[in-house]
N, C-alpha and C. Protein backbone atom coordinates (compact mmCIF):
# COMPACT_ATOMS: atom_id res chain seq x y z
N UNK A 1 225.81 67.63 -116.89
CA UNK A 1 225.00 67.67 -118.08
C UNK A 1 223.88 68.70 -117.93
N UNK A 2 223.42 69.21 -119.05
CA UNK A 2 222.30 70.14 -119.05
C UNK A 2 221.02 69.39 -118.72
N UNK A 3 220.06 70.10 -118.10
CA UNK A 3 218.77 69.46 -117.84
C UNK A 3 218.09 69.06 -119.14
N UNK A 4 217.35 67.96 -119.11
CA UNK A 4 216.62 67.50 -120.29
C UNK A 4 215.27 68.20 -120.36
N UNK A 5 215.00 68.93 -121.45
CA UNK A 5 213.70 69.60 -121.56
C UNK A 5 212.61 68.65 -122.05
N UNK A 6 211.38 68.94 -121.68
CA UNK A 6 210.19 68.24 -122.20
C UNK A 6 209.36 69.24 -122.94
N UNK A 7 208.83 68.85 -124.07
CA UNK A 7 208.00 69.76 -124.87
C UNK A 7 206.55 69.75 -124.40
N UNK A 8 206.01 70.94 -124.30
CA UNK A 8 204.57 71.12 -124.12
C UNK A 8 204.08 71.70 -125.44
N UNK A 9 203.06 71.11 -126.01
CA UNK A 9 202.52 71.64 -127.26
C UNK A 9 201.72 72.91 -127.02
N UNK A 10 201.21 73.48 -128.09
CA UNK A 10 200.34 74.66 -127.96
C UNK A 10 199.07 74.30 -127.22
N UNK A 11 198.60 73.08 -127.43
CA UNK A 11 197.41 72.58 -126.75
C UNK A 11 197.87 71.85 -125.50
N UNK A 12 197.68 72.50 -124.37
CA UNK A 12 198.14 71.95 -123.09
C UNK A 12 197.18 70.87 -122.58
N UNK A 13 197.74 69.93 -121.83
CA UNK A 13 196.96 68.90 -121.15
C UNK A 13 196.82 69.36 -119.70
N UNK A 14 195.63 69.87 -119.38
CA UNK A 14 195.39 70.54 -118.09
C UNK A 14 194.53 69.66 -117.19
N UNK A 15 194.97 69.52 -115.94
CA UNK A 15 194.21 68.78 -114.93
C UNK A 15 193.54 69.78 -114.00
N UNK A 16 192.26 69.57 -113.74
CA UNK A 16 191.48 70.42 -112.84
C UNK A 16 191.06 69.58 -111.63
N UNK A 17 191.38 70.08 -110.44
CA UNK A 17 191.09 69.37 -109.19
C UNK A 17 190.60 70.39 -108.17
N UNK A 18 189.63 70.00 -107.35
CA UNK A 18 189.20 70.89 -106.26
C UNK A 18 188.67 70.06 -105.10
N UNK A 19 189.06 70.44 -103.91
CA UNK A 19 188.45 69.83 -102.73
C UNK A 19 187.01 70.33 -102.60
N UNK A 20 186.21 69.61 -101.84
CA UNK A 20 184.78 69.90 -101.75
C UNK A 20 184.47 71.37 -101.48
N UNK A 21 185.14 71.97 -100.50
CA UNK A 21 184.85 73.37 -100.15
C UNK A 21 185.30 74.35 -101.23
N UNK A 22 186.12 73.90 -102.17
CA UNK A 22 186.65 74.77 -103.22
C UNK A 22 186.04 74.54 -104.59
N UNK A 23 185.16 73.52 -104.70
CA UNK A 23 184.54 73.23 -105.99
C UNK A 23 183.77 74.43 -106.56
N UNK A 24 182.99 75.16 -105.75
CA UNK A 24 182.31 76.34 -106.31
C UNK A 24 183.28 77.39 -106.85
N UNK A 25 184.42 77.57 -106.17
CA UNK A 25 185.43 78.53 -106.64
C UNK A 25 186.03 78.09 -107.97
N UNK A 26 186.36 76.79 -108.08
CA UNK A 26 186.92 76.30 -109.33
C UNK A 26 185.90 76.40 -110.46
N UNK A 27 184.64 76.09 -110.17
CA UNK A 27 183.60 76.19 -111.20
C UNK A 27 183.47 77.65 -111.68
N UNK A 28 183.46 78.60 -110.76
CA UNK A 28 183.37 80.01 -111.15
C UNK A 28 184.58 80.42 -111.98
N UNK A 29 185.77 79.98 -111.59
CA UNK A 29 186.98 80.28 -112.33
C UNK A 29 186.93 79.67 -113.73
N UNK A 30 186.51 78.42 -113.80
CA UNK A 30 186.44 77.72 -115.09
C UNK A 30 185.39 78.35 -116.01
N UNK A 31 184.27 78.78 -115.44
CA UNK A 31 183.26 79.49 -116.26
C UNK A 31 183.86 80.74 -116.89
N UNK A 32 184.57 81.50 -116.09
CA UNK A 32 185.18 82.74 -116.56
C UNK A 32 186.22 82.46 -117.66
N UNK A 33 186.93 81.34 -117.54
CA UNK A 33 188.01 81.00 -118.47
C UNK A 33 187.61 79.91 -119.46
N UNK A 34 186.32 79.70 -119.65
CA UNK A 34 185.83 78.62 -120.50
C UNK A 34 186.42 78.68 -121.91
N UNK A 35 186.47 79.85 -122.50
CA UNK A 35 187.00 79.98 -123.87
C UNK A 35 188.45 79.52 -123.97
N UNK A 36 189.25 79.90 -123.01
CA UNK A 36 190.65 79.47 -123.00
C UNK A 36 190.76 77.98 -122.73
N UNK A 37 190.01 77.49 -121.75
CA UNK A 37 190.06 76.06 -121.42
C UNK A 37 189.63 75.19 -122.60
N UNK A 38 188.66 75.67 -123.37
CA UNK A 38 188.14 74.89 -124.50
C UNK A 38 189.20 74.64 -125.57
N UNK A 39 190.27 75.43 -125.58
CA UNK A 39 191.34 75.26 -126.56
C UNK A 39 192.38 74.23 -126.12
N UNK A 40 192.18 73.65 -124.96
CA UNK A 40 193.15 72.71 -124.41
C UNK A 40 192.48 71.37 -124.12
N UNK A 41 193.29 70.38 -123.80
CA UNK A 41 192.81 69.05 -123.46
C UNK A 41 192.61 69.01 -121.95
N UNK A 42 191.38 68.74 -121.51
CA UNK A 42 191.06 68.84 -120.09
C UNK A 42 190.90 67.48 -119.43
N UNK A 43 191.38 67.40 -118.20
CA UNK A 43 191.27 66.22 -117.35
C UNK A 43 190.84 66.71 -115.97
N UNK A 44 190.23 65.84 -115.20
CA UNK A 44 189.85 66.22 -113.84
C UNK A 44 189.64 64.98 -113.00
N UNK A 45 189.74 65.17 -111.69
CA UNK A 45 189.38 64.08 -110.79
C UNK A 45 187.85 63.97 -110.76
N UNK A 46 187.37 62.79 -110.39
CA UNK A 46 185.98 62.37 -110.46
C UNK A 46 184.87 63.38 -110.30
N UNK A 47 184.54 63.74 -109.08
CA UNK A 47 183.41 64.61 -108.82
C UNK A 47 183.61 65.99 -109.43
N UNK A 48 184.81 66.53 -109.29
CA UNK A 48 185.11 67.85 -109.86
C UNK A 48 184.88 67.84 -111.36
N UNK A 49 185.40 66.83 -112.03
CA UNK A 49 185.27 66.74 -113.49
C UNK A 49 183.83 66.59 -113.93
N UNK A 50 183.05 65.79 -113.20
CA UNK A 50 181.64 65.60 -113.55
C UNK A 50 180.88 66.93 -113.44
N UNK A 51 181.14 67.68 -112.39
CA UNK A 51 180.49 68.99 -112.20
C UNK A 51 180.89 69.94 -113.33
N UNK A 52 182.18 70.02 -113.61
CA UNK A 52 182.66 70.94 -114.65
C UNK A 52 182.11 70.58 -116.03
N UNK A 53 182.13 69.30 -116.35
CA UNK A 53 181.62 68.87 -117.67
C UNK A 53 180.14 69.21 -117.81
N UNK A 54 179.38 68.94 -116.76
CA UNK A 54 177.93 69.21 -116.80
C UNK A 54 177.65 70.71 -116.90
N UNK A 55 178.32 71.50 -116.10
CA UNK A 55 178.04 72.93 -116.03
C UNK A 55 178.61 73.73 -117.20
N UNK A 56 179.74 73.27 -117.75
CA UNK A 56 180.42 74.04 -118.80
C UNK A 56 180.19 73.47 -120.20
N UNK A 57 179.76 72.22 -120.26
CA UNK A 57 179.56 71.60 -121.57
C UNK A 57 180.86 71.32 -122.30
N UNK A 58 181.95 71.17 -121.57
CA UNK A 58 183.25 70.87 -122.17
C UNK A 58 183.56 69.39 -122.01
N UNK A 59 184.33 68.86 -122.95
CA UNK A 59 184.77 67.47 -122.85
C UNK A 59 185.92 67.40 -121.84
N UNK A 60 185.74 66.56 -120.82
CA UNK A 60 186.74 66.43 -119.77
C UNK A 60 186.94 64.94 -119.50
N UNK A 61 188.17 64.48 -119.61
CA UNK A 61 188.51 63.09 -119.28
C UNK A 61 188.63 62.97 -117.76
N UNK A 62 188.02 61.94 -117.20
CA UNK A 62 187.95 61.82 -115.75
C UNK A 62 188.91 60.77 -115.18
N UNK A 63 189.54 61.16 -114.08
CA UNK A 63 190.26 60.22 -113.23
C UNK A 63 189.30 59.83 -112.11
N UNK A 64 189.71 58.96 -111.23
CA UNK A 64 188.89 58.63 -110.06
C UNK A 64 188.82 59.85 -109.14
N UNK A 65 187.91 59.81 -108.21
CA UNK A 65 187.83 60.83 -107.17
C UNK A 65 189.15 60.85 -106.41
N UNK A 66 189.56 62.02 -105.92
CA UNK A 66 190.82 62.14 -105.18
C UNK A 66 191.00 61.12 -104.08
N UNK A 67 190.04 61.00 -103.15
CA UNK A 67 190.21 60.03 -102.06
C UNK A 67 190.22 58.57 -102.52
N UNK A 68 189.78 58.33 -103.75
CA UNK A 68 189.75 56.96 -104.27
C UNK A 68 190.90 56.68 -105.23
N UNK A 69 191.92 57.53 -105.20
CA UNK A 69 193.11 57.30 -106.00
C UNK A 69 193.31 58.26 -107.15
N UNK A 70 192.40 59.21 -107.35
CA UNK A 70 192.53 60.15 -108.46
C UNK A 70 193.79 61.00 -108.41
N UNK A 71 194.16 61.47 -107.22
CA UNK A 71 195.37 62.28 -107.09
C UNK A 71 196.60 61.45 -107.48
N UNK A 72 196.59 60.18 -107.11
CA UNK A 72 197.70 59.30 -107.47
C UNK A 72 197.73 59.04 -108.98
N UNK A 73 196.54 58.91 -109.59
CA UNK A 73 196.50 58.73 -111.04
C UNK A 73 197.09 59.95 -111.75
N UNK A 74 196.74 61.13 -111.28
CA UNK A 74 197.28 62.36 -111.87
C UNK A 74 198.79 62.38 -111.71
N UNK A 75 199.28 62.06 -110.52
CA UNK A 75 200.73 62.03 -110.29
C UNK A 75 201.43 61.07 -111.23
N UNK A 76 200.83 59.91 -111.45
CA UNK A 76 201.43 58.93 -112.37
C UNK A 76 201.50 59.48 -113.79
N UNK A 77 200.44 60.16 -114.23
CA UNK A 77 200.42 60.75 -115.58
C UNK A 77 201.47 61.86 -115.71
N UNK A 78 201.69 62.61 -114.64
CA UNK A 78 202.74 63.63 -114.66
C UNK A 78 204.10 62.94 -114.85
N UNK A 79 204.34 61.87 -114.08
CA UNK A 79 205.61 61.15 -114.19
C UNK A 79 205.84 60.59 -115.59
N UNK A 80 204.77 60.20 -116.25
CA UNK A 80 204.86 59.65 -117.61
C UNK A 80 204.95 60.74 -118.68
N UNK A 81 204.89 62.00 -118.28
CA UNK A 81 204.97 63.09 -119.23
C UNK A 81 203.67 63.33 -119.98
N UNK A 82 202.55 62.88 -119.42
CA UNK A 82 201.26 62.97 -120.10
C UNK A 82 200.38 64.12 -119.62
N UNK A 83 200.85 64.92 -118.68
CA UNK A 83 200.13 66.10 -118.21
C UNK A 83 201.08 67.29 -118.25
N UNK A 84 200.52 68.47 -118.56
CA UNK A 84 201.35 69.66 -118.69
C UNK A 84 201.11 70.71 -117.62
N UNK A 85 199.98 70.65 -116.94
CA UNK A 85 199.53 71.82 -116.19
C UNK A 85 198.49 71.36 -115.18
N UNK A 86 198.53 71.87 -113.96
CA UNK A 86 197.56 71.48 -112.94
C UNK A 86 196.95 72.72 -112.30
N UNK A 87 195.63 72.73 -112.24
CA UNK A 87 194.90 73.72 -111.45
C UNK A 87 194.27 72.93 -110.31
N UNK A 88 194.73 73.18 -109.09
CA UNK A 88 194.28 72.38 -107.93
C UNK A 88 193.86 73.34 -106.83
N UNK A 89 192.57 73.61 -106.75
CA UNK A 89 192.04 74.44 -105.68
C UNK A 89 191.86 73.55 -104.45
N UNK A 90 192.88 73.51 -103.62
CA UNK A 90 192.82 72.65 -102.45
C UNK A 90 192.48 73.47 -101.22
N UNK A 91 192.02 72.79 -100.22
CA UNK A 91 191.57 73.43 -98.99
C UNK A 91 192.56 73.13 -97.88
N UNK A 92 193.50 74.05 -97.60
CA UNK A 92 194.52 73.79 -96.59
C UNK A 92 193.99 73.84 -95.15
N UNK A 93 192.76 74.32 -94.97
CA UNK A 93 192.22 74.46 -93.61
C UNK A 93 191.32 73.29 -93.21
N UNK A 94 191.02 72.43 -94.14
CA UNK A 94 190.12 71.30 -93.87
C UNK A 94 190.92 70.00 -93.99
N UNK A 95 190.95 69.19 -92.92
CA UNK A 95 191.67 67.91 -93.03
C UNK A 95 191.03 67.02 -94.10
N UNK A 96 191.86 66.37 -94.89
CA UNK A 96 191.39 65.50 -95.95
C UNK A 96 191.79 64.06 -95.62
N UNK A 97 190.94 63.10 -95.92
CA UNK A 97 191.30 61.71 -95.64
C UNK A 97 192.48 61.24 -96.49
N UNK A 98 192.77 61.96 -97.56
CA UNK A 98 193.85 61.59 -98.46
C UNK A 98 194.95 62.66 -98.50
N UNK A 99 195.21 63.29 -97.35
CA UNK A 99 196.23 64.35 -97.28
C UNK A 99 197.59 63.88 -97.81
N UNK A 100 197.94 62.63 -97.52
CA UNK A 100 199.23 62.11 -97.98
C UNK A 100 199.28 62.07 -99.51
N UNK A 101 198.15 61.78 -100.14
CA UNK A 101 198.10 61.76 -101.62
C UNK A 101 198.22 63.17 -102.18
N UNK A 102 197.58 64.13 -101.51
CA UNK A 102 197.65 65.52 -101.94
C UNK A 102 199.10 66.00 -101.87
N UNK A 103 199.77 65.73 -100.77
CA UNK A 103 201.16 66.14 -100.61
C UNK A 103 202.04 65.46 -101.67
N UNK A 104 201.78 64.20 -101.95
CA UNK A 104 202.56 63.50 -102.97
C UNK A 104 202.34 64.12 -104.35
N UNK A 105 201.11 64.49 -104.67
CA UNK A 105 200.82 65.12 -105.96
C UNK A 105 201.54 66.46 -106.08
N UNK A 106 201.50 67.26 -105.04
CA UNK A 106 202.19 68.55 -105.06
C UNK A 106 203.70 68.36 -105.23
N UNK A 107 204.24 67.35 -104.56
CA UNK A 107 205.67 67.05 -104.67
C UNK A 107 206.03 66.63 -106.09
N UNK A 108 205.25 65.75 -106.69
CA UNK A 108 205.51 65.27 -108.05
C UNK A 108 205.45 66.44 -109.04
N UNK A 109 204.49 67.33 -108.86
CA UNK A 109 204.37 68.49 -109.76
C UNK A 109 205.64 69.34 -109.69
N UNK A 110 206.18 69.52 -108.51
CA UNK A 110 207.41 70.31 -108.37
C UNK A 110 208.60 69.55 -108.94
N UNK A 111 208.73 68.27 -108.63
CA UNK A 111 209.85 67.47 -109.13
C UNK A 111 209.90 67.47 -110.66
N UNK A 112 208.73 67.38 -111.29
CA UNK A 112 208.66 67.34 -112.75
C UNK A 112 208.44 68.72 -113.38
N UNK A 113 208.56 69.76 -112.57
CA UNK A 113 208.51 71.14 -113.05
C UNK A 113 207.22 71.44 -113.83
N UNK A 114 206.11 70.98 -113.28
CA UNK A 114 204.79 71.20 -113.87
C UNK A 114 204.22 72.50 -113.30
N UNK A 115 203.72 73.41 -114.14
CA UNK A 115 203.02 74.57 -113.58
C UNK A 115 201.81 74.08 -112.77
N UNK A 116 201.70 74.57 -111.55
CA UNK A 116 200.57 74.17 -110.69
C UNK A 116 200.06 75.40 -109.96
N UNK A 117 198.76 75.60 -110.06
CA UNK A 117 198.11 76.71 -109.37
C UNK A 117 197.26 76.13 -108.24
N UNK A 118 197.48 76.60 -107.04
CA UNK A 118 196.73 76.09 -105.89
C UNK A 118 195.72 77.10 -105.37
N UNK A 119 195.60 78.24 -106.04
CA UNK A 119 194.59 79.22 -105.67
C UNK A 119 194.20 80.02 -106.91
N UNK A 120 193.15 80.79 -106.79
CA UNK A 120 192.60 81.50 -107.94
C UNK A 120 193.56 82.54 -108.53
N UNK A 121 194.26 83.26 -107.68
CA UNK A 121 195.19 84.27 -108.19
C UNK A 121 196.27 83.64 -109.05
N UNK A 122 196.86 82.56 -108.58
CA UNK A 122 197.89 81.89 -109.36
C UNK A 122 197.30 81.31 -110.64
N UNK A 123 196.11 80.74 -110.55
CA UNK A 123 195.45 80.21 -111.75
C UNK A 123 195.20 81.31 -112.77
N UNK A 124 194.79 82.49 -112.30
CA UNK A 124 194.56 83.63 -113.20
C UNK A 124 195.86 84.01 -113.93
N UNK A 125 196.95 84.09 -113.18
CA UNK A 125 198.22 84.47 -113.80
C UNK A 125 198.68 83.41 -114.80
N UNK A 126 198.57 82.14 -114.44
CA UNK A 126 199.03 81.08 -115.34
C UNK A 126 198.18 80.99 -116.61
N UNK A 127 196.86 81.01 -116.46
CA UNK A 127 195.99 80.83 -117.63
C UNK A 127 196.08 82.01 -118.59
N UNK A 128 196.45 83.18 -118.07
CA UNK A 128 196.54 84.36 -118.93
C UNK A 128 197.94 84.58 -119.49
N UNK A 129 198.86 83.70 -119.16
CA UNK A 129 200.23 83.82 -119.66
C UNK A 129 200.27 83.64 -121.17
N UNK A 130 201.08 84.42 -121.87
CA UNK A 130 201.23 84.22 -123.32
C UNK A 130 201.76 82.83 -123.65
N UNK A 131 202.42 82.17 -122.70
CA UNK A 131 202.95 80.83 -122.92
C UNK A 131 201.86 79.77 -123.07
N UNK A 132 200.65 80.09 -122.65
CA UNK A 132 199.54 79.13 -122.77
C UNK A 132 199.24 78.79 -124.23
N UNK A 133 199.49 79.70 -125.14
CA UNK A 133 199.19 79.46 -126.55
C UNK A 133 200.41 79.12 -127.39
N UNK A 134 201.52 78.85 -126.73
CA UNK A 134 202.76 78.56 -127.44
C UNK A 134 203.33 77.22 -127.00
N UNK A 135 204.21 76.68 -127.84
CA UNK A 135 204.97 75.52 -127.39
C UNK A 135 205.93 75.98 -126.31
N UNK A 136 206.27 75.09 -125.41
CA UNK A 136 207.14 75.44 -124.30
C UNK A 136 207.99 74.22 -123.97
N UNK A 137 209.24 74.46 -123.64
CA UNK A 137 210.11 73.37 -123.23
C UNK A 137 210.37 73.49 -121.74
N UNK A 138 209.83 72.53 -121.01
CA UNK A 138 209.98 72.47 -119.56
C UNK A 138 211.34 71.86 -119.24
N UNK A 139 212.14 72.55 -118.45
CA UNK A 139 213.45 72.03 -118.08
C UNK A 139 213.34 71.07 -116.91
N UNK A 140 214.06 69.98 -116.99
CA UNK A 140 214.09 68.99 -115.92
C UNK A 140 215.53 68.81 -115.46
N UNK A 141 215.69 68.41 -114.21
CA UNK A 141 217.02 68.14 -113.67
C UNK A 141 217.57 66.82 -114.18
N UNK A 142 218.85 66.60 -113.96
CA UNK A 142 219.51 65.37 -114.43
C UNK A 142 218.86 64.11 -113.87
N UNK A 143 218.42 64.15 -112.62
CA UNK A 143 217.83 62.93 -112.06
C UNK A 143 216.55 62.56 -112.79
N UNK A 144 215.85 63.54 -113.34
CA UNK A 144 214.63 63.25 -114.08
C UNK A 144 214.93 62.58 -115.41
N UNK A 145 216.04 62.93 -116.03
CA UNK A 145 216.40 62.36 -117.32
C UNK A 145 216.44 60.83 -117.23
N UNK A 146 216.92 60.31 -116.12
CA UNK A 146 217.02 58.86 -115.93
C UNK A 146 215.65 58.21 -115.78
N UNK A 147 214.65 58.98 -115.33
CA UNK A 147 213.34 58.44 -115.05
C UNK A 147 212.38 58.53 -116.24
N UNK A 148 212.69 59.37 -117.22
CA UNK A 148 211.78 59.62 -118.33
C UNK A 148 211.89 58.56 -119.40
N UNK A 149 210.75 58.19 -120.00
CA UNK A 149 210.83 57.34 -121.18
C UNK A 149 211.60 58.08 -122.27
N UNK A 150 212.47 57.40 -123.02
CA UNK A 150 213.29 58.08 -124.04
C UNK A 150 212.47 58.88 -125.04
N UNK A 151 211.24 58.47 -125.32
CA UNK A 151 210.43 59.18 -126.30
C UNK A 151 210.05 60.58 -125.84
N UNK A 152 210.11 60.86 -124.54
CA UNK A 152 209.72 62.17 -124.02
C UNK A 152 210.88 63.14 -123.92
N UNK A 153 212.08 62.64 -123.82
CA UNK A 153 213.23 63.52 -123.64
C UNK A 153 213.60 64.20 -124.97
N UNK A 154 213.97 65.46 -124.86
CA UNK A 154 214.42 66.23 -126.01
C UNK A 154 215.93 66.32 -125.88
N UNK A 155 216.69 65.97 -126.93
CA UNK A 155 218.15 66.06 -126.81
C UNK A 155 218.58 67.48 -126.48
N UNK A 156 219.57 67.63 -125.61
CA UNK A 156 220.08 68.97 -125.28
C UNK A 156 220.60 69.66 -126.53
N UNK A 157 220.40 70.98 -126.59
CA UNK A 157 220.89 71.77 -127.72
C UNK A 157 222.35 72.12 -127.49
N UNK A 158 223.17 72.10 -128.57
CA UNK A 158 224.60 72.42 -128.41
C UNK A 158 224.81 73.87 -128.03
């Protein structure tokens, strides 16, 4: 069978996450891209989201802090088809108390074919893509079709 596509609307549901050492980098990136981000629905893990909301004046829905389950909350929302895009400035050189959660989140993003940027260069390319302002159908593998709520699956085209 063909993979089941999922629709992303023109207004993307974007999650912003940064480890402590990368929060200043994410804030600088978000400041630069504030106009584009303002056109989308924003989510973030606890501390990162609080900093971004305060500094940018944008409405951001908050998950818990990463070490307190925020990464797992984001992963669950991806599985439910409620997130479209992840910007995650993570610190691969600093051990994290929740490394297993970080790895699980990265795995879920790949399994569900979610665009994910783990550094500024990738975030720049993704946010500037013409696809950011268009509807997009994300292709999923057959095993995903069995896991998705029926309301999220788009029937295959003949």
